[in-house]
C-alpha cells in the first residue's frame, strides 16, 4: 500500500505543478467480480470499495485522472442461478488494491466557472495496476485459500455522470468494469509457484476475470480559473 500511495502522490505533484484547476476527493461504493464462482451478473455489488481520486481538468471536455482504490471481492456458488455451480459449492474472498491513471472524457462541455450548475455524462479509461491475493483450491477439497501476493494490469472501462454542487464540489456516480490480465482472482487458475499444477485448476481457464467498482465520487475543486487555450 505504501508503494501505491507514493506513486499516487508523485502523479498528483506532477499534475499540480502546471495545473490551473484540479479536483481531489474520495470514492465510496460497492465491488463485485465476474468469473468462475458464484453469480454471473455484471453489476451486483456485494462488498465495499473506498479510495481517493485526483483530476486535472485540462479542458472543458477532458481531464487527466488518477486514483487509488481498495476493495474486497467475494463470491459463493450457493448464490448462483446455475445448478452446476450450486452443486459444486465453491466460495472465495479477495482484496484488491489498485492504482489507475488515464483520461476522463465528458459528453458535453464541463466548465465549473459559468456561475450556474453544470452536469454531464462521462467516460474514463486508461491503465490500472492492482495487487491481489493469489489463491488456490486445496487438492481434494472445496476450500480456496491464499498462498501468496500477486499483481497485474487491468483495463478500466468506466461510465458515469457528474454534476457540480455549489461552486467548489463535484458529485459523480459511476460504474467501472476492469478487464484483468489474470484468471486467478477466485483461485481457479493459480499463478507463480503453482502455475503448472493443472490438478488445481477449474472453470474456464481461457477466460480472464473481471471486477466492477460501482459508486460515488465527491471532489473538491481548487486552483486558478483555467484558460483552455493551449491544449
Protein backbone atom coordinates (compact mmCIF):
# COMPACT_ATOMS: atom_id res chain seq x y z
CA UNK A 1 0.00 0.00 0.00
CA UNK A 2 2.92 2.37 0.70
CA UNK A 3 4.12 1.84 -2.89
CA UNK A 4 0.71 2.77 -4.31
CA UNK A 5 0.49 5.85 -2.08
CA UNK A 6 3.96 7.04 -3.18
CA UNK A 7 3.15 6.67 -6.87
CA UNK A 8 -0.17 8.45 -6.38
CA UNK A 9 1.49 11.41 -4.65
CA UNK A 10 4.10 11.68 -7.41
CA UNK A 11 1.39 11.72 -10.09
CA UNK A 12 -0.56 14.37 -8.20
CA UNK A 13 2.55 16.52 -7.74
CA UNK A 14 3.47 16.39 -11.42
CA UNK A 15 -0.04 17.37 -12.46
CA UNK A 16 -0.46 20.18 -9.95
CA UNK A 17 2.82 21.92 -10.78
CA UNK A 18 1.32 23.16 -14.06
CA UNK A 19 -2.37 22.83 -13.34
CA UNK A 20 -4.86 25.65 -13.38
CA UNK A 21 -7.85 23.88 -11.88
CA UNK A 22 -7.97 20.45 -10.36
CA UNK A 23 -10.01 18.21 -8.10
CA UNK A 24 -9.17 15.96 -5.18
CA UNK A 25 -11.60 13.82 -3.21
CA UNK A 26 -12.84 10.37 -2.40
CA UNK A 27 -14.66 7.37 -3.82
CA UNK A 28 -17.01 5.04 -1.95
CA UNK A 29 -19.14 2.26 -3.31
CA UNK A 30 -19.54 -1.45 -3.87
CA UNK A 31 -17.49 -4.09 -5.66
CA UNK A 32 -18.26 -7.35 -7.40
CA UNK A 33 -16.32 -9.81 -9.52
CA UNK A 34 -17.20 -11.76 -12.67
CA UNK A 35 -15.53 -15.14 -13.07
CA UNK A 36 -15.76 -18.86 -12.37
CA UNK A 37 -17.52 -18.80 -8.98
CA UNK A 38 -20.89 -17.51 -7.86
CA UNK A 39 -23.25 -15.22 -9.75
CA UNK A 40 -22.73 -14.23 -13.36
CA UNK A 41 -24.31 -10.76 -13.03
CA UNK A 42 -22.22 -7.95 -14.47
CA UNK A 43 -23.26 -5.33 -11.91
CA UNK A 44 -24.05 -6.80 -8.48
CA UNK A 45 -22.02 -5.02 -5.79
CA UNK A 46 -21.75 -7.10 -2.61
CA UNK A 47 -18.56 -5.76 -1.00
CA UNK A 48 -17.15 -2.34 -0.10
CA UNK A 49 -14.60 -0.26 -2.04
CA UNK A 50 -13.10 3.07 -0.92
CA UNK A 51 -10.28 5.30 -2.10
CA UNK A 52 -9.05 8.64 -3.35
CA UNK A 53 -9.40 10.41 -6.71
CA UNK A 54 -7.42 13.24 -8.31
CA UNK A 55 -8.30 15.06 -11.55
CA UNK A 56 -6.52 17.70 -13.59
CA UNK A 57 -9.16 19.44 -15.73
CA UNK A 58 -7.17 20.23 -18.84
CA UNK A 59 -10.12 21.37 -20.98
CA UNK A 60 -13.89 21.61 -20.84
CA UNK A 61 -14.10 18.16 -22.43
CA UNK A 62 -11.33 16.12 -20.82
CA UNK A 63 -9.35 15.67 -17.61
CA UNK A 64 -6.35 13.62 -16.59
CA UNK A 65 -7.30 11.37 -13.70
CA UNK A 66 -5.50 9.24 -11.11
CA UNK A 67 -6.95 7.14 -8.31
CA UNK A 68 -6.10 4.65 -5.59
CA UNK A 69 -8.93 2.30 -4.65
CA UNK A 70 -9.08 -0.60 -2.20
CA UNK A 71 -11.95 -3.06 -2.39
CA UNK A 72 -12.99 -6.52 -1.33
CA UNK A 73 -14.49 -9.05 -3.71
CA UNK A 74 -16.17 -12.33 -2.87
CA UNK A 75 -18.48 -14.90 -4.39
CA UNK A 76 -20.29 -18.08 -3.41
CA UNK A 77 -21.62 -20.79 -5.70
CA UNK A 78 -24.67 -21.03 -3.45
CA UNK A 79 -25.79 -17.64 -4.80
CA UNK A 80 -25.53 -18.71 -8.45
CA UNK A 81 -28.51 -19.42 -10.70
CA UNK A 82 -26.56 -22.26 -12.35
CA UNK A 83 -27.27 -25.66 -10.85
CA UNK A 84 -23.76 -26.94 -11.59
CA UNK A 85 -22.20 -24.17 -9.53
CA UNK A 86 -24.69 -24.68 -6.72
CA UNK A 87 -23.79 -28.37 -6.54
CA UNK A 88 -20.06 -27.62 -6.65
CA UNK A 89 -20.22 -25.26 -3.67
CA UNK A 90 -17.03 -23.17 -4.02
CA UNK A 91 -16.58 -19.75 -2.42
CA UNK A 92 -13.74 -17.25 -2.02
CA UNK A 93 -12.75 -13.81 -0.73
CA UNK A 94 -10.07 -11.48 -2.06
CA UNK A 95 -8.76 -7.94 -1.59
CA UNK A 96 -7.79 -5.64 -4.46
CA UNK A 97 -5.62 -2.53 -4.20
CA UNK A 98 -5.44 -0.65 -7.49
CA UNK A 99 -3.66 2.37 -8.90
CA UNK A 100 -5.24 3.76 -12.05
CA UNK A 101 -4.25 6.62 -14.38
CA UNK A 102 -5.96 7.74 -17.55
CA UNK A 103 -8.21 10.29 -19.24
CA UNK A 104 -11.80 11.20 -18.47
CA UNK A 105 -13.89 12.49 -21.40
CA UNK A 106 -17.16 14.37 -20.94
CA UNK A 107 -20.04 14.16 -23.40
CA UNK A 108 -20.71 17.89 -23.03
CA UNK A 109 -18.58 20.85 -22.01
CA UNK A 110 -17.99 20.89 -18.26
CA UNK A 111 -16.98 24.42 -17.23
CA UNK A 112 -17.33 24.94 -13.49
CA UNK A 113 -16.80 28.71 -13.81
CA UNK A 114 -20.01 29.59 -15.67
CA UNK A 115 -21.75 30.66 -12.48
CA UNK A 116 -24.51 28.06 -12.84
CA UNK A 117 -24.91 24.31 -12.19
CA UNK A 118 -23.21 22.09 -14.77
CA UNK A 119 -23.61 18.36 -15.34
CA UNK A 120 -22.59 15.81 -17.95
CA UNK A 121 -22.14 12.08 -18.60
CA UNK A 122 -18.53 10.96 -18.91
CA UNK A 123 -16.28 8.08 -19.88
CA UNK A 124 -12.97 7.11 -18.30
CA UNK A 125 -10.27 4.69 -19.40
CA UNK A 126 -6.54 4.26 -19.07
CA UNK A 127 -4.35 1.66 -17.38
CA UNK A 128 -4.70 0.06 -13.96
CA UNK A 129 -2.20 -1.91 -11.92
CA UNK A 130 -3.50 -3.83 -8.92
CA UNK A 131 -2.34 -6.15 -6.16
CA UNK A 132 -4.46 -9.10 -5.06
CA UNK A 133 -4.27 -12.28 -3.01
CA UNK A 134 -3.07 -15.28 -5.01
CA UNK A 135 -5.48 -18.10 -4.22
CA UNK A 136 -5.72 -21.81 -4.89
CA UNK A 137 -8.15 -24.64 -4.21
CA UNK A 138 -6.66 -27.29 -1.99
CA UNK A 139 -6.41 -30.57 -3.88
CA UNK A 140 -9.24 -32.92 -2.99
CA UNK A 141 -11.33 -30.29 -1.20
CA UNK A 142 -13.59 -27.33 -1.96
CA UNK A 143 -11.61 -24.90 0.24
CA UNK A 144 -9.93 -21.93 -1.51
CA UNK A 145 -7.11 -20.28 0.42
CA UNK A 146 -4.41 -17.63 -0.03
CA UNK A 147 -0.82 -18.69 -0.63
CA UNK A 148 0.94 -15.55 -1.93
CA UNK A 149 0.54 -11.98 -3.16
CA UNK A 150 0.37 -11.14 -6.87
CA UNK A 151 -0.08 -8.15 -9.13
CA UNK A 152 -1.03 -7.49 -12.73
CA UNK A 153 -2.60 -4.94 -15.06
CA UNK A 154 -6.20 -4.26 -15.99
CA UNK A 155 -8.06 -2.02 -18.43
CA UNK A 156 -10.70 0.18 -16.76
CA UNK A 157 -13.91 0.94 -18.65
CA UNK A 158 -15.93 3.48 -16.68
CA UNK A 159 -19.17 5.30 -17.47
CA UNK A 160 -20.58 7.92 -15.14
CA UNK A 161 -22.49 11.12 -14.60
CA UNK A 162 -21.21 14.14 -12.67
CA UNK A 163 -22.67 17.45 -11.54
CA UNK A 164 -21.45 20.49 -9.65
CA UNK A 165 -22.61 21.00 -6.06
CA UNK A 166 -22.28 24.67 -5.26
CA UNK A 167 -19.13 26.34 -6.55
CA UNK A 168 -16.42 24.03 -5.19
CA UNK A 169 -17.75 20.46 -5.16
CA UNK A 170 -18.39 17.90 -7.91
CA UNK A 171 -20.52 14.81 -7.29
CA UNK A 172 -20.14 11.84 -9.61
CA UNK A 173 -21.89 8.48 -9.92
CA UNK A 174 -20.15 5.79 -11.94
CA UNK A 175 -19.90 2.12 -12.86
CA UNK A 176 -16.45 0.88 -13.81
CA UNK A 177 -15.61 -2.60 -15.12
CA UNK A 178 -11.98 -3.75 -15.09
CA UNK A 179 -10.83 -6.36 -17.57
CA UNK A 180 -7.90 -8.02 -15.83
CA UNK A 181 -4.93 -9.95 -17.17
CA UNK A 182 -5.35 -12.76 -14.66
CA UNK A 183 -7.71 -15.69 -14.21
CA UNK A 184 -6.89 -16.15 -10.54
CA UNK A 185 -8.93 -13.63 -8.58
CA UNK A 186 -11.02 -16.63 -7.49
CA UNK A 187 -8.28 -19.29 -7.23
CA UNK A 188 -9.38 -21.09 -10.40
CA UNK A 189 -6.04 -20.75 -12.21
CA UNK A 190 -3.13 -20.46 -9.73
CA UNK A 191 -0.07 -18.38 -10.62
CA UNK A 192 3.59 -18.21 -9.58
CA UNK A 193 4.78 -21.45 -7.95
CA UNK A 194 1.50 -23.26 -8.58
CA UNK A 195 1.10 -22.26 -12.24
CA UNK A 196 1.99 -25.74 -13.53
CA UNK A 197 -0.32 -27.62 -11.14
CA UNK A 198 -3.10 -28.46 -13.58
CA UNK A 199 -4.96 -30.52 -10.95
CA UNK A 200 -5.65 -27.31 -9.02
CA UNK A 201 -7.36 -25.53 -11.93
CA UNK A 202 -11.09 -25.37 -12.55
CA UNK A 203 -13.62 -23.42 -14.61
CA UNK A 204 -12.80 -21.75 -17.92
CA UNK A 205 -9.05 -21.19 -17.82
CA UNK A 206 -9.14 -19.45 -21.22
CA UNK A 207 -11.17 -16.50 -19.91
CA UNK A 208 -9.68 -13.88 -17.57
CA UNK A 209 -11.58 -12.45 -14.62
CA UNK A 210 -13.29 -9.06 -14.32
CA UNK A 211 -14.12 -6.92 -11.34
CA UNK A 212 -16.52 -3.97 -11.14
CA UNK A 213 -16.47 -0.92 -8.88
CA UNK A 214 -19.80 0.92 -8.61
CA UNK A 215 -20.06 4.05 -6.51
CA UNK A 216 -19.88 7.78 -5.98
CA UNK A 217 -17.07 10.34 -6.07
CA UNK A 218 -17.11 13.66 -4.26
CA UNK A 219 -14.26 16.01 -5.16
CA UNK A 220 -13.24 19.48 -4.04
CA UNK A 221 -12.10 21.84 -6.81
CA UNK A 222 -9.41 24.48 -6.42
CA UNK A 223 -6.77 26.32 -8.41
CA UNK A 224 -6.76 29.30 -10.73
CA UNK A 225 -9.53 29.95 -13.21
CA UNK A 226 -8.47 27.96 -16.28
CA UNK A 227 -7.51 29.19 -19.71
CA UNK A 228 -8.31 26.35 -22.11
CA UNK A 229 -6.35 27.78 -24.98
CA UNK A 230 -3.08 25.83 -25.27
CA UNK A 231 -4.11 22.18 -25.00
